[in-house]
Structures are given as C-alpha cells and as structure tokens.
Protein backbone atom coordinates (compact mmCIF):
# COMPACT_ATOMS: atom_id res chain seq x y z
CA MET A 1 13.56 13.59 -8.24
CA LYS A 2 9.96 12.64 -7.39
CA ASN A 3 9.10 12.29 -3.74
CA ILE A 4 7.75 8.95 -2.91
CA LEU A 5 5.82 8.35 0.21
CA ILE A 6 4.94 4.77 1.29
CA ILE A 7 2.17 4.26 3.89
CA SER A 8 2.26 0.89 5.55
CA GLY A 9 -0.88 -0.22 6.88
CA HIS A 10 0.07 -3.71 8.15
CA PRO A 11 -1.21 -4.03 11.75
CA ASN A 12 1.88 -5.87 13.02
CA LEU A 13 4.97 -5.76 10.77
CA ASN A 14 7.01 -7.76 13.31
CA GLU A 15 4.80 -10.68 12.45
CA SER A 16 4.67 -10.21 8.81
CA ILE A 17 6.62 -11.97 6.04
CA GLY A 18 5.19 -10.57 2.93
CA ASN A 19 4.63 -6.98 3.77
CA ALA A 20 7.79 -6.75 5.87
CA THR A 21 9.87 -8.09 3.09
CA ILE A 22 8.32 -5.71 0.39
CA LEU A 23 9.03 -2.69 2.64
CA ASP A 24 12.63 -3.95 3.34
CA GLU A 25 13.31 -4.31 -0.43
CA ILE A 26 11.74 -0.88 -1.15
CA ALA A 27 13.81 0.70 1.65
CA LEU A 28 16.99 -0.85 0.00
CA ALA A 29 16.09 0.30 -3.54
CA LEU A 30 14.61 3.69 -2.75
CA PRO A 31 16.70 4.91 0.27
CA GLU A 32 15.30 8.46 -0.23
CA ALA A 33 11.60 7.31 -0.07
CA GLU A 34 9.79 8.02 3.13
CA ILE A 35 8.35 5.04 4.58
CA ARG A 36 5.75 5.58 7.41
CA ARG A 37 4.96 2.30 9.13
CA LEU A 38 1.53 3.11 10.95
CA ASP A 39 1.77 0.18 13.40
CA TRP A 40 5.13 1.44 14.61
CA LEU A 41 4.22 5.12 14.67
CA TYR A 42 0.88 4.55 16.30
CA PRO A 43 0.70 1.49 18.57
CA ASP A 44 -2.02 3.38 20.46
CA ASN A 45 -4.00 4.30 17.33
CA ARG A 46 -3.68 8.07 17.93
CA ILE A 47 -2.81 9.28 14.49
CA ASN A 48 -0.77 12.57 14.31
CA VAL A 49 -2.77 14.04 11.57
CA LYS A 50 -0.68 17.05 11.09
CA ALA A 51 2.64 15.00 10.64
CA GLU A 52 0.63 12.63 8.14
CA GLN A 53 -0.79 15.44 6.06
CA GLU A 54 2.64 17.22 5.91
CA SER A 55 4.19 13.86 4.57
CA LEU A 56 1.45 13.60 2.05
CA LEU A 57 1.90 17.21 0.83
CA LYS A 58 5.53 16.65 0.12
CA ALA A 59 4.83 13.52 -1.84
CA ASP A 60 4.48 13.32 -5.61
CA VAL A 61 3.74 9.51 -5.50
CA ILE A 62 1.86 7.87 -2.60
CA VAL A 63 2.08 3.94 -2.14
CA TRP A 64 -0.47 2.40 0.22
CA GLN A 65 1.20 -0.86 1.16
CA PHE A 66 -1.06 -3.23 2.98
CA PRO A 67 -2.29 -6.78 3.50
CA PHE A 68 -5.98 -7.20 2.03
CA SER A 69 -7.85 -7.61 5.21
CA TRP A 70 -11.57 -8.43 5.12
CA TYR A 71 -11.68 -7.20 1.38
CA SER A 72 -10.41 -3.75 2.29
CA LEU A 73 -7.94 -1.99 4.37
CA PRO A 74 -6.58 -3.14 7.90
CA GLY A 75 -8.06 -1.42 10.70
CA VAL A 76 -5.11 0.93 11.46
CA MET A 77 -4.98 2.04 7.75
CA LYS A 78 -8.87 2.62 7.80
CA LEU A 79 -8.36 4.71 10.80
CA TRP A 80 -5.46 6.77 9.20
CA LEU A 81 -7.62 7.35 6.08
CA ASP A 82 -10.62 8.55 8.20
CA GLU A 83 -8.56 10.94 10.15
CA VAL A 84 -6.11 12.15 7.64
CA PHE A 85 -8.15 12.40 4.39
CA VAL A 86 -10.71 14.97 5.74
CA HIS A 87 -12.75 17.49 3.79
CA GLY A 88 -10.67 20.55 3.12
CA PHE A 89 -7.51 18.59 3.01
CA ALA A 90 -7.96 15.56 0.81
CA HIS A 91 -11.22 16.57 -0.91
CA GLY A 92 -13.64 19.56 -1.32
CA SER A 93 -12.91 23.09 -2.61
CA THR A 94 -9.73 23.48 -0.66
CA ALA A 95 -8.28 19.99 -1.37
CA LYS A 96 -4.47 19.80 -1.52
CA LEU A 97 -3.79 16.37 -2.87
CA GLY A 98 -5.06 16.75 -6.34
CA GLY A 99 -2.80 15.42 -9.23
CA LYS A 100 -0.49 13.23 -6.87
CA LYS A 101 0.00 9.67 -8.06
CA LEU A 102 -1.57 6.79 -5.89
CA ILE A 103 -0.58 3.30 -6.13
CA LEU A 104 -2.16 0.40 -4.14
CA SER A 105 0.18 -2.27 -3.35
CA PHE A 106 -1.21 -5.22 -1.32
CA THR A 107 -0.94 -8.80 -0.54
CA THR A 108 -3.83 -11.30 -0.04
CA GLY A 109 -3.90 -14.44 2.07
CA ALA A 110 -6.24 -16.22 -0.20
CA PRO A 111 -5.06 -17.57 -3.60
CA GLN A 112 -5.84 -15.72 -6.89
CA ALA A 113 -8.22 -18.47 -7.95
CA LEU A 114 -10.60 -17.66 -5.22
CA TYR A 115 -11.10 -14.06 -6.48
CA SER A 116 -13.32 -14.70 -9.69
CA SER A 117 -16.96 -14.83 -10.29
CA GLU A 118 -16.59 -18.69 -10.36
CA GLY A 119 -14.18 -18.75 -7.39
CA PHE A 120 -15.25 -19.04 -3.74
CA PHE A 121 -15.48 -15.27 -3.21
CA GLY A 122 -17.79 -14.88 -6.22
CA HIS A 123 -15.90 -11.62 -7.25
CA SER A 124 -12.80 -10.74 -9.00
CA LEU A 125 -10.12 -8.91 -7.03
CA GLU A 126 -10.67 -5.91 -9.24
CA ASN A 127 -14.47 -5.71 -7.92
CA TYR A 128 -13.01 -4.99 -4.46
CA LEU A 129 -11.01 -2.15 -5.73
CA ALA A 130 -13.86 0.04 -6.67
CA GLN A 131 -13.85 1.65 -3.06
CA PHE A 132 -10.22 2.76 -3.81
CA GLU A 133 -10.98 4.16 -7.31
CA THR A 134 -13.98 6.21 -5.72
CA THR A 135 -11.57 7.58 -3.10
CA ALA A 136 -9.02 8.52 -5.73
CA ARG A 137 -11.53 10.15 -7.60
CA LEU A 138 -13.03 12.19 -4.76
CA CYS A 139 -9.52 13.29 -3.76
CA ASN A 140 -8.39 14.03 -7.48
CA LEU A 141 -5.60 11.52 -7.00
CA ASP A 142 -4.22 9.86 -10.24
CA LEU A 143 -4.69 6.07 -9.41
CA GLN A 144 -2.25 3.83 -11.09
CA MET A 145 -2.53 0.08 -11.72
CA PRO A 146 -2.47 -1.88 -8.49
CA VAL A 147 0.49 -4.03 -7.65
CA TYR A 148 -0.69 -7.14 -5.77
CA THR A 149 0.38 -10.68 -4.81
CA CYS A 150 -2.14 -13.36 -3.80
CA GLY A 151 -1.52 -16.30 -1.56
CA ILE A 152 0.74 -14.90 1.26
CA SER A 153 -1.14 -16.37 4.30
CA TYR A 154 -0.32 -16.74 7.93
CA ALA A 155 -1.93 -20.15 7.81
CA ASP A 156 0.13 -23.26 8.00
CA ARG A 157 3.47 -21.62 7.83
CA ASP A 158 6.53 -23.65 7.77
CA GLU A 159 10.24 -22.89 6.67
CA ASN A 160 9.44 -23.82 3.20
CA LYS A 161 6.40 -21.80 2.97
CA ILE A 162 8.11 -18.85 4.72
CA ALA A 163 10.92 -19.04 2.05
CA GLN A 164 8.26 -19.18 -0.69
CA GLN A 165 6.46 -16.22 0.58
CA LYS A 166 9.65 -14.10 0.80
CA THR A 167 10.39 -14.96 -2.71
CA MET A 168 6.85 -13.86 -3.82
CA ALA A 169 7.25 -10.64 -1.69
CA LYS A 170 10.59 -9.86 -3.44
CA GLU A 171 8.95 -10.24 -6.77
CA HIS A 172 6.15 -8.02 -5.73
CA ALA A 173 8.69 -5.42 -4.68
CA SER A 174 10.42 -5.72 -8.00
CA ARG A 175 7.20 -4.99 -9.66
CA LEU A 176 6.48 -2.14 -7.65
CA ILE A 177 9.92 -0.76 -8.15
CA ALA A 178 9.47 -1.06 -11.88
CA LEU A 179 6.24 0.93 -11.67
CA LEU A 180 7.87 3.70 -9.65
CA GLU A 181 10.62 3.77 -12.09
CA SER A 182 8.21 4.22 -15.06
CA LEU A 183 6.39 6.93 -12.95
CA SER A 184 9.87 8.74 -11.97
CA PRO A 185 12.43 8.07 -14.74
CA GLU A 186 14.77 10.24 -12.84
CA LEU A 187 15.00 7.87 -9.92
CA LYS A 188 18.33 6.37 -9.61
CA LEU A 189 17.55 3.21 -7.68
CA ALA A 190 20.15 1.41 -5.49
CA VAL A 191 18.97 -2.08 -6.75
C-alpha cells in the first residue's frame, strides 16, 4: 500500500466547515493515511522540522490540504514549507523527496466565476498555481492535477449555507479519494 501523508494547513480547523469536513471524510475513507493538522500540532508556530521531514520521507503521496488564503498558502503552512522544505532535504544535490507525488487540495472563499481574466480577480485560478508548480519542479515532486472547490466562505454563514458547504466539502473529498485511488490502486478504502 502506498503511504499517504496529508498536511492540513488550515489556521484554525475548529472554526472550519470545508477543510474540517474534507479531513473528516478522508480520515474515514483512508484510516491508514497520516493526517498532520498543523494548527493542532503547532499552536505556537514552532515547527518540529525533524518530525515533519520524517513523515515526508515515509510518504509516497503527499496531499497539501488548505484554504486558499490571499491567493496562496495560509501563514502556518507557509511557515511549515519555509522550515521543512530546506536545501539538502527538499531540493539540492542531496534532496530526498524526488519522485513522490504531490496533490494540492484546497478550498476558496470566492466563487469560481471571480477567477478568470474577465472576473473580479483578473486571473484564472490556474494562474495562481504557478508557484506550486515551481516548488514541485524544484523538489522533483510529481505534481498531480489539483482538487479544489470554490465558494466555501466564512461570510454570511447560516444553517443552510453551512449544510451546503458540508455537501460541497464531501463532494471535494470524494474527488480527492478518487484521485488517490487512481494513484494507489492497491488502496482498500473504507468508504
């Protein structure tokens, strides 16, 4: 069985609907996957670099699960990347991550329509992903197609919107599980 590592970069999963639901669904479907919730592990932002690197070394497939924050990673996940993906470990002549598969799995608060050359942001969502393509290339990671869901926002939440967001997050988790199955056909998923 392929070893799957999921890094959750949400800054506060206790207040999350989308990312928390996605992680819950993945935990049910993939009980053997390692899920590292950075906000729970490092509330003081002191990353245990050795532990994080050991988890990465064991993984065959790495999933970065996060809410798209200011068109990039949330702060805790950017800190994790800065401290863990150092020269000699993640890249350079002695890099150790080469060949592992990387999946970006994320949610956005804004609806999909805003991410286009004609939309409010003036760029497609794919344009914002170039930074991750460059990171994967530098680290010799095999970047897979991203799994993302737009329109999961904290704004104006009521019971109906929360129910809708949970449904969207479960659909997102199903797409992520399908991708993981295609990469690891030997997985015997619980769902």
